[in-house]
Protein backbone atom coordinates (compact mmCIF):
# COMPACT_ATOMS: atom_id res chain seq x y z
CA MET A 1 24.72 -2.83 -17.17
CA ASP A 2 26.31 -5.93 -15.60
CA GLY A 3 28.77 -4.97 -12.90
CA LYS A 4 28.92 -1.34 -14.00
CA LEU A 5 26.70 0.23 -11.38
CA ALA A 6 28.33 2.37 -8.78
CA ALA A 7 27.96 1.57 -5.12
CA PRO A 8 24.92 3.04 -3.36
CA LEU A 9 25.05 6.73 -2.57
CA LYS A 10 27.49 7.67 -5.32
CA THR A 11 27.71 11.28 -6.40
CA LEU A 12 24.64 12.46 -8.27
CA LEU A 13 24.62 15.22 -10.86
CA LEU A 14 21.79 17.59 -10.05
CA VAL A 15 20.54 19.88 -12.78
CA VAL A 16 18.90 22.87 -11.16
CA ARG A 17 16.84 25.52 -12.96
CA GLY A 18 18.09 28.76 -11.49
CA ALA A 19 21.23 30.34 -10.18
CA ALA A 20 23.83 28.53 -8.12
CA PRO A 21 23.13 28.64 -4.36
CA ASP A 22 24.55 31.46 -2.29
CA SER A 23 26.44 30.98 0.97
CA ALA A 24 23.15 30.35 2.78
CA GLY A 25 22.13 27.67 0.30
CA ALA A 26 19.39 29.79 -1.28
CA PHE A 27 18.59 30.29 -4.97
CA ASP A 28 17.63 33.74 -6.25
CA GLY A 29 15.63 32.26 -9.15
CA GLU A 30 16.65 35.00 -11.59
CA ASP A 31 19.00 32.97 -13.78
CA GLN A 32 17.09 30.14 -15.47
CA ARG A 33 20.04 28.43 -17.13
CA PRO A 34 20.49 24.76 -16.17
CA ILE A 35 23.24 24.22 -13.66
CA VAL A 36 24.85 20.87 -12.99
CA MET A 37 25.67 20.38 -9.33
CA SER A 38 27.58 17.51 -7.79
CA LEU A 39 26.10 16.20 -4.57
CA THR A 40 27.03 13.12 -2.57
CA LEU A 41 23.85 11.68 -1.06
CA ALA A 42 25.80 9.75 1.58
CA ALA A 43 27.00 13.05 3.02
CA LEU A 44 23.47 14.28 3.67
CA SER A 45 21.40 13.58 6.74
CA PRO A 46 17.63 13.12 6.23
CA VAL A 47 17.11 16.71 7.40
CA GLU A 48 19.75 18.04 5.02
CA SER A 49 18.24 16.01 2.18
CA ARG A 50 14.87 17.66 2.76
CA ARG A 51 16.49 21.08 2.86
CA CYS A 52 18.13 20.38 -0.51
CA GLY A 53 14.81 19.19 -1.91
CA VAL A 54 16.24 15.72 -2.62
CA VAL A 55 13.59 12.99 -2.44
CA ILE A 56 15.76 10.10 -3.57
CA ALA A 57 16.09 7.28 -1.04
CA GLN A 58 19.57 6.47 0.19
CA ASN A 59 19.20 2.85 -0.98
CA VAL A 60 19.16 3.96 -4.62
CA GLN A 61 22.20 2.88 -6.67
CA LEU A 62 23.38 5.49 -9.14
CA GLY A 63 26.03 4.99 -11.80
CA PRO A 64 28.49 7.75 -12.74
CA GLU A 65 27.06 10.91 -14.33
CA VAL A 66 23.42 10.08 -13.82
CA VAL A 67 21.41 13.29 -14.28
CA ILE A 68 18.13 13.91 -12.47
CA HIS A 69 16.88 17.26 -13.70
CA HIS A 70 14.63 18.05 -10.74
CA PRO A 71 15.58 15.83 -7.78
CA ASP A 72 12.90 17.46 -5.66
CA LEU A 73 10.23 16.28 -8.12
CA VAL A 74 10.96 12.56 -8.47
CA ASN A 75 10.34 9.51 -6.28
CA LEU A 76 13.13 6.92 -6.44
CA TYR A 77 13.64 4.14 -3.90
CA GLY A 78 15.40 0.76 -3.88
CA CYS A 79 16.23 0.94 -7.61
CA SER A 80 19.42 1.13 -9.66
CA VAL A 81 20.18 3.53 -12.51
CA GLY A 82 23.12 2.99 -14.85
CA ALA A 83 25.80 5.47 -15.89
CA GLU A 84 24.84 8.58 -17.90
CA SER A 85 21.11 7.90 -17.74
CA ARG A 86 18.69 10.83 -17.51
CA ILE A 87 15.59 10.95 -15.30
CA GLY A 88 12.85 13.51 -15.97
CA THR A 89 10.45 15.34 -13.68
CA PHE A 90 7.63 13.56 -11.79
CA VAL A 91 9.08 10.10 -12.44
CA GLU A 92 8.56 7.28 -9.94
CA ILE A 93 10.91 4.28 -9.98
CA GLN A 94 10.10 1.60 -7.41
CA LYS A 95 12.25 -0.86 -5.53
CA GLY A 96 13.96 -3.63 -7.48
CA VAL A 97 13.83 -1.80 -10.81
CA GLN A 98 17.04 -1.93 -12.85
CA ILE A 99 17.71 0.75 -15.44
CA GLY A 100 20.73 0.40 -17.70
CA GLU A 101 23.27 2.89 -18.95
CA ARG A 102 22.52 5.86 -21.21
CA CYS A 103 18.75 5.54 -20.88
CA LYS A 104 16.33 8.44 -21.04
CA ILE A 105 13.27 8.29 -18.80
CA SER A 106 10.94 11.16 -19.64
CA SER A 107 8.67 13.06 -17.28
CA HIS A 108 5.57 11.65 -15.54
CA THR A 109 6.58 8.02 -16.13
CA PHE A 110 5.85 5.24 -13.62
CA ILE A 111 8.21 2.25 -13.50
CA CYS A 112 7.04 -0.34 -11.00
CA GLU A 113 8.77 -3.14 -9.17
CA GLY A 114 9.69 -6.05 -11.44
CA VAL A 115 10.75 -3.99 -14.47
CA THR A 116 14.21 -4.30 -16.00
CA ILE A 117 15.30 -1.77 -18.61
CA GLU A 118 18.49 -2.52 -20.50
CA ASP A 119 21.04 -0.05 -21.91
CA GLY A 120 20.16 2.76 -24.30
CA VAL A 121 16.38 2.61 -23.90
CA PHE A 122 14.14 5.63 -24.51
CA VAL A 123 10.97 5.89 -22.42
CA GLY A 124 8.61 8.71 -23.41
CA HIS A 125 6.40 10.89 -21.26
CA SER A 126 3.65 9.41 -19.05
CA VAL A 127 4.53 5.78 -19.78
CA VAL A 128 3.05 3.33 -17.26
CA PHE A 129 4.28 -0.17 -16.43
CA ILE A 130 2.13 -2.75 -14.60
CA ASN A 131 3.33 -5.68 -12.47
CA ASP A 132 0.14 -7.50 -11.45
CA VAL A 133 -2.16 -9.50 -13.75
CA TYR A 134 -5.16 -9.29 -11.41
CA PRO A 135 -4.74 -6.14 -9.29
CA GLY A 136 -6.97 -5.53 -6.32
CA ALA A 137 -7.20 -3.43 -3.19
CA VAL A 138 -8.44 -6.13 -0.80
CA SER A 139 -8.04 -9.84 -0.25
CA ALA A 140 -10.83 -12.41 -0.53
CA SER A 141 -11.67 -11.73 3.13
CA GLY A 142 -12.08 -8.01 2.46
CA GLU A 143 -8.88 -6.98 4.24
CA LEU A 144 -6.46 -4.56 2.64
CA GLN A 145 -3.92 -6.49 0.60
CA THR A 146 -0.30 -6.77 1.71
CA GLU A 147 2.74 -7.91 -0.25
CA SER A 148 1.99 -11.50 0.77
CA ASP A 149 -1.33 -11.40 -1.12
CA TRP A 150 0.13 -11.02 -4.61
CA SER A 151 3.25 -11.72 -6.67
CA VAL A 152 5.25 -9.36 -8.86
CA VAL A 153 5.14 -10.33 -12.55
CA PRO A 154 8.38 -9.19 -14.24
CA THR A 155 8.79 -7.25 -17.50
CA ARG A 156 11.95 -6.64 -19.53
CA VAL A 157 12.73 -3.90 -22.06
CA LYS A 158 15.74 -4.85 -24.16
CA SER A 159 18.53 -2.55 -25.26
CA GLN A 160 17.89 0.42 -27.55
CA ALA A 161 14.11 -0.04 -27.56
CA SER A 162 11.90 3.06 -27.60
CA ILE A 163 8.53 3.46 -25.91
CA GLY A 164 6.32 6.34 -27.03
CA SER A 165 4.49 8.73 -24.73
CA ASN A 166 1.34 7.55 -22.92
CA ALA A 167 2.01 3.89 -23.68
CA THR A 168 0.91 1.29 -21.13
CA VAL A 169 3.01 -1.86 -20.75
CA LEU A 170 1.31 -4.84 -19.13
CA CYS A 171 3.37 -7.34 -17.16
CA GLY A 172 5.00 -10.66 -17.94
CA LEU A 173 6.31 -9.66 -21.35
CA THR A 174 9.47 -8.59 -23.17
CA ILE A 175 9.93 -5.62 -25.49
CA GLY A 176 12.62 -6.66 -27.95
CA LYS A 177 15.92 -5.08 -28.85
CA GLY A 178 15.56 -1.91 -30.91
CA ALA A 179 11.76 -2.20 -30.96
CA LEU A 180 9.51 0.85 -31.20
CA VAL A 181 6.24 1.14 -29.26
CA GLY A 182 3.92 3.80 -30.65
CA ALA A 183 2.48 6.59 -28.54
CA GLY A 184 -0.66 5.57 -26.65
CA ALA A 185 -0.20 1.86 -27.35
CA VAL A 186 -1.24 -0.81 -24.85
CA VAL A 187 1.35 -3.58 -24.96
CA THR A 188 -0.21 -6.91 -23.96
CA LYS A 189 2.31 -9.44 -25.33
CA ASP A 190 5.95 -9.81 -26.33
CA VAL A 191 7.27 -7.37 -28.93
CA PRO A 192 9.83 -8.91 -31.35
CA ASP A 193 13.26 -7.35 -31.84
CA TYR A 194 13.11 -4.25 -34.09
CA ALA A 195 9.32 -4.47 -34.47
CA ILE A 196 7.14 -1.37 -34.61
CA VAL A 197 3.92 -1.84 -32.66
CA ALA A 198 0.96 0.51 -32.22
CA GLY A 199 -2.68 0.51 -31.20
CA VAL A 200 -4.88 -0.96 -28.49
CA PRO A 201 -3.92 -3.69 -28.10
CA ALA A 202 -0.54 -3.09 -29.73
CA ARG A 203 0.03 -4.95 -33.01
CA VAL A 204 3.07 -5.19 -35.24
CA ILE A 205 2.83 -2.64 -38.06
CA GLY A 206 6.38 -2.60 -39.34
CA ASP A 207 10.09 -3.08 -38.80
CA VAL A 208 12.33 -0.30 -37.50
CA ARG A 209 15.18 -1.26 -39.84
CA THR A 210 12.98 -1.20 -42.94
CA ARG A 211 11.38 2.14 -42.05
CA ARG A 212 14.75 3.65 -41.22
CA ASP A 213 16.24 2.53 -44.53
CA ALA A 214 13.22 3.85 -46.43
CA SER A 215 13.38 7.26 -44.77
CA ALA A 216 17.09 7.45 -45.55
CA GLY A 217 16.43 6.64 -49.21
CA VAL A 218 18.32 3.37 -49.12
């Protein structure tokens, strides 16, 4: 992902469920085949963006051929997404997040500030990342917290790792290269390269390479 991100406001591929827009910009909704549309965010004013249903902030950096299947149903701001990555419905990606190339981020996933996801990572449905060890709504004085009241604790997911649906990833840890996190796991510490982890809290239960070889009859 180093140096390969496009400049902000590059062309985004929009996959729309329905027919192509008519001359008035409307969709008849009869044809449910996916359609890939090319749209340059820089060319849109805030009003035009709302009319197109695009809720992606203009400070988002998108690599070539990024696909966001329902741009009206995501919340992206201040993040970067590498080339050919796919973003599902109801995904939120916060400021400062870096997502590598050819990643798949499935629907209903929350990726908070402080998370770095390297190339070729799969993130299942409803995965949640956390960036604060001791979260709270108010300060010691009872006032609502501001950014100055807490510090972001970073998390890294290394290349080609896979995170199963409904997993929760606590902060300050690394998920290793090619590792597999089981569905519903709560990851509380570093995951070694190629390890399979599952459970609450997540524990190592195998090695991806060994399981893959066994299933292939090697």
